[in-house]
Amino acid sequence: RARFGWRGKRAVAVLYTGSVLLLLGYVGSRFVLEV
């Protein structure tokens, strides 16, 4: 966004991808261990 001016669907897709990875990081790993 800062260098190339990413906007719209491309930027949102990257945001969703990062959020899913973050969710898998702690919540996903703990869900597997605990449940």
Full PDB file with SEQRES, HELIX, SHEET, SSBOND, CRYST1, ORIGX, SCALE, CONECT and MASTER records, all heavy atoms in Angstrom:
SEQRES   1 A   35  ARG ALA ARG PHE GLY TRP ARG GLY LYS ARG ALA VAL ALA          
SEQRES   2 A   35  VAL LEU TYR THR GLY SER VAL LEU LEU LEU LEU GLY TYR          
SEQRES   3 A   35  VAL GLY SER ARG PHE VAL LEU GLU VAL                          
HELIX    1 AA1 GLY A    8  LEU A   23  1                                  16    
HELIX    2 AA2 LEU A   24  GLY A   28  3                                   5    
HELIX    3 AA3 SER A   29  GLU A   34  1                                   6    
CRYST1    1.000    1.000    1.000  90.00  90.00  90.00 P 1           1          
ORIGX1      1.000000  0.000000  0.000000        0.00000                         
ORIGX2      0.000000  1.000000  0.000000        0.00000                         
ORIGX3      0.000000  0.000000  1.000000        0.00000                         
SCALE1      1.000000  0.000000  0.000000        0.00000                         
SCALE2      0.000000  1.000000  0.000000        0.00000                         
SCALE3      0.000000  0.000000  1.000000        0.00000                         
ATOM      1  N   ARG A   1       0.833  -1.210   0.000  1.00  0.00           N  
ATOM      2  CA  ARG A   1       0.000   0.000   0.000  1.00  0.00           C  
ATOM      3  C   ARG A   1       0.865   1.257   0.000  1.00  0.00           C  
ATOM      4  O   ARG A   1       0.560   2.230  -0.694  1.00  0.00           O  
ATOM      5  CB  ARG A   1      -0.931   0.004   1.216  1.00  0.00           C  
ATOM      6  CG  ARG A   1      -2.157  -0.858   1.039  1.00  0.00           C  
ATOM      7  CD  ARG A   1      -3.103  -0.705   2.208  1.00  0.00           C  
ATOM      8  NE  ARG A   1      -3.490   0.691   2.415  1.00  0.00           N  
ATOM      9  CZ  ARG A   1      -4.425   1.321   1.707  1.00  0.00           C  
ATOM     10  NH1 ARG A   1      -5.053   0.695   0.738  1.00  0.00           N  
ATOM     11  NH2 ARG A   1      -4.735   2.586   1.989  1.00  0.00           N  
ATOM     12  N   ALA A   2       1.941   1.216   0.778  1.00  0.00           N  
ATOM     13  CA  ALA A   2       2.783   2.414   0.880  1.00  0.00           C  
ATOM     14  C   ALA A   2       3.607   2.641  -0.382  1.00  0.00           C  
ATOM     15  O   ALA A   2       3.787   3.781  -0.827  1.00  0.00           O  
ATOM     16  CB  ALA A   2       3.708   2.287   2.095  1.00  0.00           C  
ATOM     17  N   ARG A   3       4.098   1.552  -0.976  1.00  0.00           N  
ATOM     18  CA  ARG A   3       5.013   1.674  -2.117  1.00  0.00           C  
ATOM     19  C   ARG A   3       4.294   1.618  -3.467  1.00  0.00           C  
ATOM     20  O   ARG A   3       4.641   2.350  -4.398  1.00  0.00           O  
ATOM     21  CB  ARG A   3       6.058   0.561  -2.036  1.00  0.00           C  
ATOM     22  CG  ARG A   3       7.149   0.636  -3.091  1.00  0.00           C  
ATOM     23  CD  ARG A   3       8.083   1.806  -2.828  1.00  0.00           C  
ATOM     24  NE  ARG A   3       9.106   1.891  -3.863  1.00  0.00           N  
ATOM     25  CZ  ARG A   3      10.274   1.269  -3.815  1.00  0.00           C  
ATOM     26  NH1 ARG A   3      10.581   0.504  -2.764  1.00  0.00           N  
ATOM     27  NH2 ARG A   3      11.169   1.408  -4.775  1.00  0.00           N  
ATOM     28  N   PHE A   4       3.290   0.747  -3.558  1.00  0.00           N  
ATOM     29  CA  PHE A   4       2.653   0.506  -4.857  1.00  0.00           C  
ATOM     30  C   PHE A   4       1.183   0.919  -4.896  1.00  0.00           C  
ATOM     31  O   PHE A   4       0.525   0.715  -5.913  1.00  0.00           O  
ATOM     32  CB  PHE A   4       2.784  -0.971  -5.242  1.00  0.00           C  
ATOM     33  CG  PHE A   4       4.194  -1.471  -5.223  1.00  0.00           C  
ATOM     34  CD1 PHE A   4       4.619  -2.347  -4.244  1.00  0.00           C  
ATOM     35  CD2 PHE A   4       5.119  -1.054  -6.182  1.00  0.00           C  
ATOM     36  CE1 PHE A   4       5.920  -2.812  -4.209  1.00  0.00           C  
ATOM     37  CE2 PHE A   4       6.424  -1.512  -6.163  1.00  0.00           C  
ATOM     38  CZ  PHE A   4       6.841  -2.384  -5.175  1.00  0.00           C  
ATOM     39  N   GLY A   5       0.689   1.445  -3.783  1.00  0.00           N  
ATOM     40  CA  GLY A   5      -0.683   1.929  -3.769  1.00  0.00           C  
ATOM     41  C   GLY A   5      -1.744   0.854  -3.885  1.00  0.00           C  
ATOM     42  O   GLY A   5      -2.803   1.071  -4.476  1.00  0.00           O  
ATOM     43  N   TRP A   6      -1.493  -0.333  -3.298  1.00  0.00           N  
ATOM     44  CA  TRP A   6      -2.473  -1.411  -3.367  1.00  0.00           C  
ATOM     45  C   TRP A   6      -3.794  -0.968  -2.755  1.00  0.00           C  
ATOM     46  O   TRP A   6      -3.837  -0.396  -1.663  1.00  0.00           O  
ATOM     47  CB  TRP A   6      -1.975  -2.634  -2.613  1.00  0.00           C  
ATOM     48  CG  TRP A   6      -0.889  -3.368  -3.318  1.00  0.00           C  
ATOM     49  CD1 TRP A   6      -0.316  -3.056  -4.516  1.00  0.00           C  
ATOM     50  CD2 TRP A   6      -0.235  -4.549  -2.855  1.00  0.00           C  
ATOM     51  NE1 TRP A   6       0.654  -3.954  -4.843  1.00  0.00           N  
ATOM     52  CE2 TRP A   6       0.727  -4.901  -3.837  1.00  0.00           C  
ATOM     53  CE3 TRP A   6      -0.366  -5.348  -1.732  1.00  0.00           C  
ATOM     54  CZ2 TRP A   6       1.558  -6.006  -3.704  1.00  0.00           C  
ATOM     55  CZ3 TRP A   6       0.450  -6.445  -1.587  1.00  0.00           C  
ATOM     56  CH2 TRP A   6       1.402  -6.777  -2.571  1.00  0.00           C  
ATOM     57  N   ARG A   7      -4.891  -1.280  -3.443  1.00  0.00           N  
ATOM     58  CA  ARG A   7      -6.219  -0.942  -2.958  1.00  0.00           C  
ATOM     59  C   ARG A   7      -7.196  -2.009  -3.417  1.00  0.00           C  
ATOM     60  O   ARG A   7      -6.849  -2.895  -4.201  1.00  0.00           O  
ATOM     61  CB  ARG A   7      -6.666   0.428  -3.493  1.00  0.00           C  
ATOM     62  CG  ARG A   7      -5.790   1.582  -3.077  1.00  0.00           C  
ATOM     63  CD  ARG A   7      -6.313   2.895  -3.629  1.00  0.00           C  
ATOM     64  NE  ARG A   7      -7.619   3.220  -3.084  1.00  0.00           N  
ATOM     65  CZ  ARG A   7      -8.313   4.297  -3.427  1.00  0.00           C  
ATOM     66  NH1 ARG A   7      -7.829   5.133  -4.333  1.00  0.00           N  
ATOM     67  NH2 ARG A   7      -9.489   4.541  -2.884  1.00  0.00           N  
ATOM     68  N   GLY A   8      -8.425  -1.887  -2.969  1.00  0.00           N  
ATOM     69  CA  GLY A   8      -9.492  -2.733  -3.475  1.00  0.00           C  
ATOM     70  C   GLY A   8      -9.331  -4.204  -3.124  1.00  0.00           C  
ATOM     71  O   GLY A   8      -8.815  -4.579  -2.072  1.00  0.00           O  
ATOM     72  N   LYS A   9      -9.762  -5.056  -4.060  1.00  0.00           N  
ATOM     73  CA  LYS A   9      -9.844  -6.490  -3.800  1.00  0.00           C  
ATOM     74  C   LYS A   9      -8.478  -7.117  -3.539  1.00  0.00           C  
ATOM     75  O   LYS A   9      -8.360  -8.052  -2.745  1.00  0.00           O  
ATOM     76  CB  LYS A   9     -10.518  -7.187  -4.981  1.00  0.00           C  
ATOM     77  CG  LYS A   9     -11.998  -6.835  -5.128  1.00  0.00           C  
ATOM     78  CD  LYS A   9     -12.636  -7.600  -6.265  1.00  0.00           C  
ATOM     79  CE  LYS A   9     -14.115  -7.275  -6.378  1.00  0.00           C  
ATOM     80  NZ  LYS A   9     -14.772  -8.021  -7.483  1.00  0.00           N  
ATOM     81  N   ARG A  10      -7.432  -6.625  -4.217  1.00  0.00           N  
ATOM     82  CA  ARG A  10      -6.105  -7.203  -3.988  1.00  0.00           C  
ATOM     83  C   ARG A  10      -5.669  -7.013  -2.550  1.00  0.00           C  
ATOM     84  O   ARG A  10      -5.230  -7.968  -1.887  1.00  0.00           O  
ATOM     85  CB  ARG A  10      -5.088  -6.574  -4.933  1.00  0.00           C  
ATOM     86  CG  ARG A  10      -3.649  -7.009  -4.633  1.00  0.00           C  
ATOM     87  CD  ARG A  10      -2.630  -6.221  -5.412  1.00  0.00           C  
ATOM     88  NE  ARG A  10      -2.713  -6.504  -6.849  1.00  0.00           N  
ATOM     89  CZ  ARG A  10      -1.911  -5.932  -7.741  1.00  0.00           C  
ATOM     90  NH1 ARG A  10      -1.004  -5.044  -7.359  1.00  0.00           N  
ATOM     91  NH2 ARG A  10      -2.024  -6.246  -9.014  1.00  0.00           N  
ATOM     92  N   ALA A  11      -5.786  -5.790  -2.044  1.00  0.00           N  
ATOM     93  CA  ALA A  11      -5.365  -5.519  -0.670  1.00  0.00           C  
ATOM     94  C   ALA A  11      -6.230  -6.273   0.327  1.00  0.00           C  
ATOM     95  O   ALA A  11      -5.723  -6.814   1.323  1.00  0.00           O  
ATOM     96  CB  ALA A  11      -5.422  -4.011  -0.402  1.00  0.00           C  
ATOM     97  N   VAL A  12      -7.531  -6.329   0.080  1.00  0.00           N  
ATOM     98  CA  VAL A  12      -8.428  -7.039   0.994  1.00  0.00           C  
ATOM     99  C   VAL A  12      -8.111  -8.526   1.013  1.00  0.00           C  
ATOM    100  O   VAL A  12      -8.140  -9.169   2.069  1.00  0.00           O  
ATOM    101  CB  VAL A  12      -9.894  -6.794   0.592  1.00  0.00           C  
ATOM    102  CG1 VAL A  12     -10.830  -7.728   1.360  1.00  0.00           C  
ATOM    103  CG2 VAL A  12     -10.281  -5.347   0.859  1.00  0.00           C  
ATOM    104  N   ALA A  13      -7.785  -9.095  -0.156  1.00  0.00           N  
ATOM    105  CA  ALA A  13      -7.435 -10.513  -0.211  1.00  0.00           C  
ATOM    106  C   ALA A  13      -6.193 -10.809   0.626  1.00  0.00           C  
ATOM    107  O   ALA A  13      -6.130 -11.827   1.334  1.00  0.00           O  
ATOM    108  CB  ALA A  13      -7.215 -10.942  -1.663  1.00  0.00           C  
ATOM    109  N   VAL A  14      -5.200  -9.916   0.571  1.00  0.00           N  
ATOM    110  CA  VAL A  14      -3.992 -10.103   1.383  1.00  0.00           C  
ATOM    111  C   VAL A  14      -4.331  -9.972   2.869  1.00  0.00           C  
ATOM    112  O   VAL A  14      -3.816 -10.726   3.708  1.00  0.00           O  
ATOM    113  CB  VAL A  14      -2.903  -9.095   0.970  1.00  0.00           C  
ATOM    114  CG1 VAL A  14      -1.662  -9.269   1.842  1.00  0.00           C  
ATOM    115  CG2 VAL A  14      -2.531  -9.272  -0.491  1.00  0.00           C  
ATOM    116  N   LEU A  15      -5.210  -9.027   3.206  1.00  0.00           N  
ATOM    117  CA  LEU A  15      -5.639  -8.857   4.596  1.00  0.00           C  
ATOM    118  C   LEU A  15      -6.325 -10.117   5.109  1.00  0.00           C  
ATOM    119  O   LEU A  15      -6.035 -10.591   6.218  1.00  0.00           O  
ATOM    120  CB  LEU A  15      -6.587  -7.656   4.700  1.00  0.00           C  
ATOM    121  CG  LEU A  15      -7.334  -7.485   6.027  1.00  0.00           C  
ATOM    122  CD1 LEU A  15      -6.372  -7.340   7.195  1.00  0.00           C  
ATOM    123  CD2 LEU A  15      -8.290  -6.299   5.954  1.00  0.00           C  
ATOM    124  N   TYR A  16      -7.235 -10.667   4.327  1.00  0.00           N  
ATOM    125  CA  TYR A  16      -7.923 -11.890   4.735  1.00  0.00           C  
ATOM    126  C   TYR A  16      -6.935 -13.052   4.894  1.00  0.00           C  
ATOM    127  O   TYR A  16      -7.044 -13.848   5.838  1.00  0.00           O  
ATOM    128  CB  TYR A  16      -8.993 -12.264   3.710  1.00  0.00           C  
ATOM    129  CG  TYR A  16     -10.223 -11.381   3.735  1.00  0.00           C  
ATOM    130  CD1 TYR A  16     -11.090 -11.343   2.645  1.00  0.00           C  
ATOM    131  CD2 TYR A  16     -10.524 -10.595   4.838  1.00  0.00           C  
ATOM    132  CE1 TYR A  16     -12.232 -10.546   2.656  1.00  0.00           C  
ATOM    133  CE2 TYR A  16     -11.649  -9.788   4.860  1.00  0.00           C  
ATOM    134  CZ  TYR A  16     -12.503  -9.768   3.764  1.00  0.00           C  
ATOM    135  OH  TYR A  16     -13.617  -8.977   3.782  1.00  0.00           O  
ATOM    136  N   THR A  17      -5.981 -13.149   3.981  1.00  0.00           N  
ATOM    137  CA  THR A  17      -4.985 -14.226   4.060  1.00  0.00           C  
ATOM    138  C   THR A  17      -4.163 -14.121   5.342  1.00  0.00           C  
ATOM    139  O   THR A  17      -3.964 -15.112   6.059  1.00  0.00           O  
ATOM    140  CB  THR A  17      -4.049 -14.180   2.842  1.00  0.00           C  
ATOM    141  OG1 THR A  17      -4.813 -14.325   1.640  1.00  0.00           O  
ATOM    142  CG2 THR A  17      -3.010 -15.291   2.913  1.00  0.00           C  
ATOM    143  N   GLY A  18      -3.665 -12.909   5.642  1.00  0.00           N  
ATOM    144  CA  GLY A  18      -2.899 -12.720   6.871  1.00  0.00           C  
ATOM    145  C   GLY A  18      -3.716 -13.015   8.109  1.00  0.00           C  
ATOM    146  O   GLY A  18      -3.210 -13.588   9.084  1.00  0.00           O  
ATOM    147  N   SER A  19      -5.005 -12.631   8.097  1.00  0.00           N  
ATOM    148  CA  SER A  19      -5.866 -12.863   9.262  1.00  0.00           C  
ATOM    149  C   SER A  19      -6.111 -14.352   9.486  1.00  0.00           C  
ATOM    150  O   SER A  19      -6.122 -14.822  10.632  1.00  0.00           O  
ATOM    151  CB  SER A  19      -7.198 -12.129   9.067  1.00  0.00           C  
ATOM    152  OG  SER A  19      -6.999 -10.741   8.936  1.00  0.00           O  
ATOM    153  N   VAL A  20      -6.300 -15.105   8.400  1.00  0.00           N  
ATOM    154  CA  VAL A  20      -6.485 -16.552   8.536  1.00  0.00           C  
ATOM    155  C   VAL A  20      -5.216 -17.200   9.084  1.00  0.00           C  
ATOM    156  O   VAL A  20      -5.283 -18.064   9.974  1.00  0.00           O  
ATOM    157  CB  VAL A  20      -6.868 -17.170   7.178  1.00  0.00           C  
ATOM    158  CG1 VAL A  20      -6.816 -18.696   7.248  1.00  0.00           C  
ATOM    159  CG2 VAL A  20      -8.261 -16.716   6.760  1.00  0.00           C  
ATOM    160  N   LEU A  21      -4.056 -16.792   8.587  1.00  0.00           N  
ATOM    161  CA  LEU A  21      -2.799 -17.337   9.091  1.00  0.00           C  
ATOM    162  C   LEU A  21      -2.620 -17.018  10.576  1.00  0.00           C  
ATOM    163  O   LEU A  21      -2.167 -17.865  11.357  1.00  0.00           O  
ATOM    164  CB  LEU A  21      -1.624 -16.776   8.285  1.00  0.00           C  
ATOM    165  CG  LEU A  21      -1.505 -17.277   6.845  1.00  0.00           C  
ATOM    166  CD1 LEU A  21      -0.438 -16.461   6.097  1.00  0.00           C  
ATOM    167  CD2 LEU A  21      -1.152 -18.757   6.816  1.00  0.00           C  
ATOM    168  N   LEU A  22      -2.971 -15.793  10.960  1.00  0.00           N  
ATOM    169  CA  LEU A  22      -2.851 -15.408  12.369  1.00  0.00           C  
ATOM    170  C   LEU A  22      -3.803 -16.227  13.232  1.00  0.00           C  
ATOM    171  O   LEU A  22      -3.450 -16.647  14.339  1.00  0.00           O  
ATOM    172  CB  LEU A  22      -3.143 -13.917  12.521  1.00  0.00           C  
ATOM    173  CG  LEU A  22      -2.980 -13.335  13.927  1.00  0.00           C  
ATOM    174  CD1 LEU A  22      -1.537 -13.483  14.404  1.00  0.00           C  
ATOM    175  CD2 LEU A  22      -3.391 -11.870  13.954  1.00  0.00           C  
ATOM    176  N   LEU A  23      -5.014 -16.440  12.731  1.00  0.00           N  
ATOM    177  CA  LEU A  23      -5.990 -17.241  13.468  1.00  0.00           C  
ATOM    178  C   LEU A  23      -5.488 -18.670  13.653  1.00  0.00           C  
ATOM    179  O   LEU A  23      -5.649 -19.266  14.726  1.00  0.00           O  
ATOM    180  CB  LEU A  23      -7.324 -17.249  12.725  1.00  0.00           C  
ATOM    181  CG  LEU A  23      -8.533 -17.782  13.491  1.00  0.00           C  
ATOM    182  CD1 LEU A  23      -8.862 -16.862  14.658  1.00  0.00           C  
ATOM    183  CD2 LEU A  23      -9.735 -17.903  12.567  1.00  0.00           C  
ATOM    184  N   LEU A  24      -4.861 -19.209  12.624  1.00  0.00           N  
ATOM    185  CA  LEU A  24      -4.301 -20.564  12.726  1.00  0.00           C  
ATOM    186  C   LEU A  24      -3.126 -20.612  13.694  1.00  0.00           C  
ATOM    187  O   LEU A  24      -2.858 -21.662  14.304  1.00  0.00           O  
ATOM    188  CB  LEU A  24      -3.850 -21.052  11.346  1.00  0.00           C  
ATOM    189  CG  LEU A  24      -4.955 -21.351  10.335  1.00  0.00           C  
ATOM    190  CD1 LEU A  24      -4.351 -21.648   8.972  1.00  0.00           C  
ATOM    191  CD2 LEU A  24      -5.832 -22.503  10.802  1.00  0.00           C  
ATOM    192  N   GLY A  25      -2.430 -19.467  13.848  1.00  0.00           N  
ATOM    193  CA  GLY A  25      -1.230 -19.442  14.676  1.00  0.00           C  
ATOM    194  C   GLY A  25      -1.478 -19.850  16.104  1.00  0.00           C  
ATOM    195  O   GLY A  25      -0.940 -20.869  16.573  1.00  0.00           O  
ATOM    196  N   TYR A  26      -2.301 -19.102  16.845  1.00  0.00           N  
ATOM    197  CA  TYR A  26      -2.562 -19.461  18.240  1.00  0.00           C  
ATOM    198  C   TYR A  26      -3.869 -20.227  18.385  1.00  0.00           C  
ATOM    199  O   TYR A  26      -3.905 -21.337  18.915  1.00  0.00           O  
ATOM    200  CB  TYR A  26      -2.596 -18.220  19.133  1.00  0.00           C  
ATOM    201  CG  TYR A  26      -2.822 -18.581  20.586  1.00  0.00           C  
ATOM    202  CD1 TYR A  26      -1.749 -18.976  21.378  1.00  0.00           C  
ATOM    203  CD2 TYR A  26      -4.099 -18.574  21.148  1.00  0.00           C  
ATOM    204  CE1 TYR A  26      -1.943 -19.352  22.707  1.00  0.00           C  
ATOM    205  CE2 TYR A  26      -4.307 -18.947  22.464  1.00  0.00           C  
ATOM    206  CZ  TYR A  26      -3.227 -19.334  23.243  1.00  0.00           C  
ATOM    207  OH  TYR A  26      -3.417 -19.716  24.544  1.00  0.00           O  
ATOM    208  N   VAL A  27      -4.955 -19.643  17.880  1.00  0.00           N  
ATOM    209  CA  VAL A  27      -6.268 -20.257  18.060  1.00  0.00           C  
ATOM    210  C   VAL A  27      -6.313 -21.641  17.420  1.00  0.00           C  
ATOM    211  O   VAL A  27      -6.797 -22.608  18.028  1.00  0.00           O  
ATOM    212  CB  VAL A  27      -7.370 -19.351  17.480  1.00  0.00           C  
ATOM    213  CG1 VAL A  27      -8.721 -20.063  17.481  1.00  0.00           C  
ATOM    214  CG2 VAL A  27      -7.467 -18.067  18.286  1.00  0.00           C  
ATOM    215  N   GLY A  28      -5.804 -21.749  16.190  1.00  0.00           N  
ATOM    216  CA  GLY A  28      -5.839 -23.038  15.516  1.00  0.00           C  
ATOM    217  C   GLY A  28      -5.021 -24.100  16.215  1.00  0.00           C  
ATOM    218  O   GLY A  28      -5.478 -25.232  16.419  1.00  0.00           O  
ATOM    219  N   SER A  29      -3.796 -23.743  16.598  1.00  0.00           N  
ATOM    220  CA  SER A  29      -2.931 -24.728  17.256  1.00  0.00           C  
ATOM    221  C   SER A  29      -3.481 -25.129  18.621  1.00  0.00           C  
ATOM    222  O   SER A  29      -3.442 -26.301  19.001  1.00  0.00           O  
ATOM    223  CB  SER A  29      -1.508 -24.180  17.390  1.00  0.00           C  
ATOM    224  OG  SER A  29      -1.491 -23.011  18.200  1.00  0.00           O  
ATOM    225  N   ARG A  30      -4.013 -24.150  19.367  1.00  0.00           N  
ATOM    226  CA  ARG A  30      -4.583 -24.476  20.679  1.00  0.00           C  
ATOM    227  C   ARG A  30      -5.858 -25.296  20.553  1.00  0.00           C  
ATOM    228  O   ARG A  30      -6.135 -26.159  21.387  1.00  0.00           O  
ATOM    229  CB  ARG A  30      -4.867 -23.190  21.455  1.00  0.00           C  
ATOM    230  CG  ARG A  30      -3.650 -22.406  21.868  1.00  0.00           C  
ATOM    231  CD  ARG A  30      -2.726 -23.189  22.764  1.00  0.00           C  
ATOM    232  NE  ARG A  30      -3.373 -23.711  23.954  1.00  0.00           N  
ATOM    233  CZ  ARG A  30      -2.745 -24.375  24.916  1.00  0.00           C  
ATOM    234  NH1 ARG A  30      -1.450 -24.606  24.809  1.00  0.00           N  
ATOM    235  NH2 ARG A  30      -3.391 -24.817  25.961  1.00  0.00           N  
ATOM    236  N   PHE A  31      -6.651 -25.039  19.497  1.00  0.00           N  
ATOM    237  CA  PHE A  31      -7.867 -25.833  19.282  1.00  0.00           C  
ATOM    238  C   PHE A  31      -7.497 -27.301  19.062  1.00  0.00           C  
ATOM    239  O   PHE A  31      -8.138 -28.209  19.614  1.00  0.00           O  
ATOM    240  CB  PHE A  31      -8.631 -25.300  18.073  1.00  0.00           C  
ATOM    241  CG  PHE A  31      -9.813 -26.152  17.681  1.00  0.00           C  
ATOM    242  CD1 PHE A  31     -11.019 -26.037  18.356  1.00  0.00           C  
ATOM    243  CD2 PHE A  31      -9.710 -27.068  16.645  1.00  0.00           C  
ATOM    244  CE1 PHE A  31     -12.102 -26.819  18.006  1.00  0.00           C  
ATOM    245  CE2 PHE A  31     -10.790 -27.865  16.291  1.00  0.00           C  
ATOM    246  CZ  PHE A  31     -11.992 -27.737  16.973  1.00  0.00           C  
ATOM    247  N   VAL A  32      -6.479 -27.546  18.252  1.00  0.00           N  
ATOM    248  CA  VAL A  32      -6.044 -28.917  18.000  1.00  0.00           C  
ATOM    249  C   VAL A  32      -5.574 -29.573  19.296  1.00  0.00           C  
ATOM    250  O   VAL A  32      -5.941 -30.717  19.609  1.00  0.00           O  
ATOM    251  CB  VAL A  32      -4.933 -28.943  16.935  1.00  0.00           C  
ATOM    252  CG1 VAL A  32      -4.338 -30.339  16.824  1.00  0.00           C  
ATOM    253  CG2 VAL A  32      -5.473 -28.490  15.593  1.00  0.00           C  
ATOM    254  N   LEU A  33      -4.767 -28.846  20.080  1.00  0.00           N  
ATOM    255  CA  LEU A  33      -4.234 -29.418  21.319  1.00  0.00           C  
ATOM    256  C   LEU A  33      -5.336 -29.664  22.353  1.00  0.00           C  
ATOM    257  O   LEU A  33      -5.421 -30.737  22.948  1.00  0.00           O  
ATOM    258  CB  LEU A  33      -3.178 -28.482  21.906  1.00  0.00           C  
ATOM    259  CG  LEU A  33      -1.820 -28.439  21.211  1.00  0.00           C  
ATOM    260  CD1 LEU A  33      -0.953 -27.343  21.806  1.00  0.00           C  
ATOM    261  CD2 LEU A  33      -1.117 -29.776  21.316  1.00  0.00           C  
ATOM    262  N   GLU A  34      -6.201 -28.658  22.551  1.00  0.00           N  
ATOM    263  CA  GLU A  34      -7.174 -28.740  23.638  1.00  0.00           C  
ATOM    264  C   GLU A  34      -8.367 -29.626  23.301  1.00  0.00           C  
ATOM    265  O   GLU A  34      -8.861 -30.367  24.160  1.00  0.00           O  
ATOM    266  CB  GLU A  34      -7.682 -27.331  23.990  1.00  0.00           C  
ATOM    267  CG  GLU A  34      -6.632 -26.416  24.571  1.00  0.00           C  
ATOM    268  CD  GLU A  34      -7.152 -25.006  24.763  1.00  0.00           C  
ATOM    269  OE1 GLU A  34      -8.371 -24.835  24.871  1.00  0.00           O  
ATOM    270  OE2 GLU A  34      -6.325 -24.056  24.780  1.00  0.00           O  
ATOM    271  N   VAL A  35      -8.854 -29.543  22.061  1.00  0.00           N  
ATOM    272  CA  VAL A  35     -10.092 -30.230  21.709  1.00  0.00           C  
ATOM    273  C   VAL A  35      -9.824 -31.558  21.000  1.00  0.00           C  
ATOM    274  O   VAL A  35     -10.350 -32.605  21.399  1.00  0.00           O  
ATOM    275  CB  VAL A  35     -10.974 -29.321  20.828  1.00  0.00           C  
ATOM    276  CG1 VAL A  35     -12.262 -30.046  20.451  1.00  0.00           C  
ATOM    277  CG2 VAL A  35     -11.300 -28.035  21.571  1.00  0.00           C  
TER     278      VAL A  35                                                      
MASTER        0    0    0    3    0    0    0    6  277    1    0    3          
END                                                                             
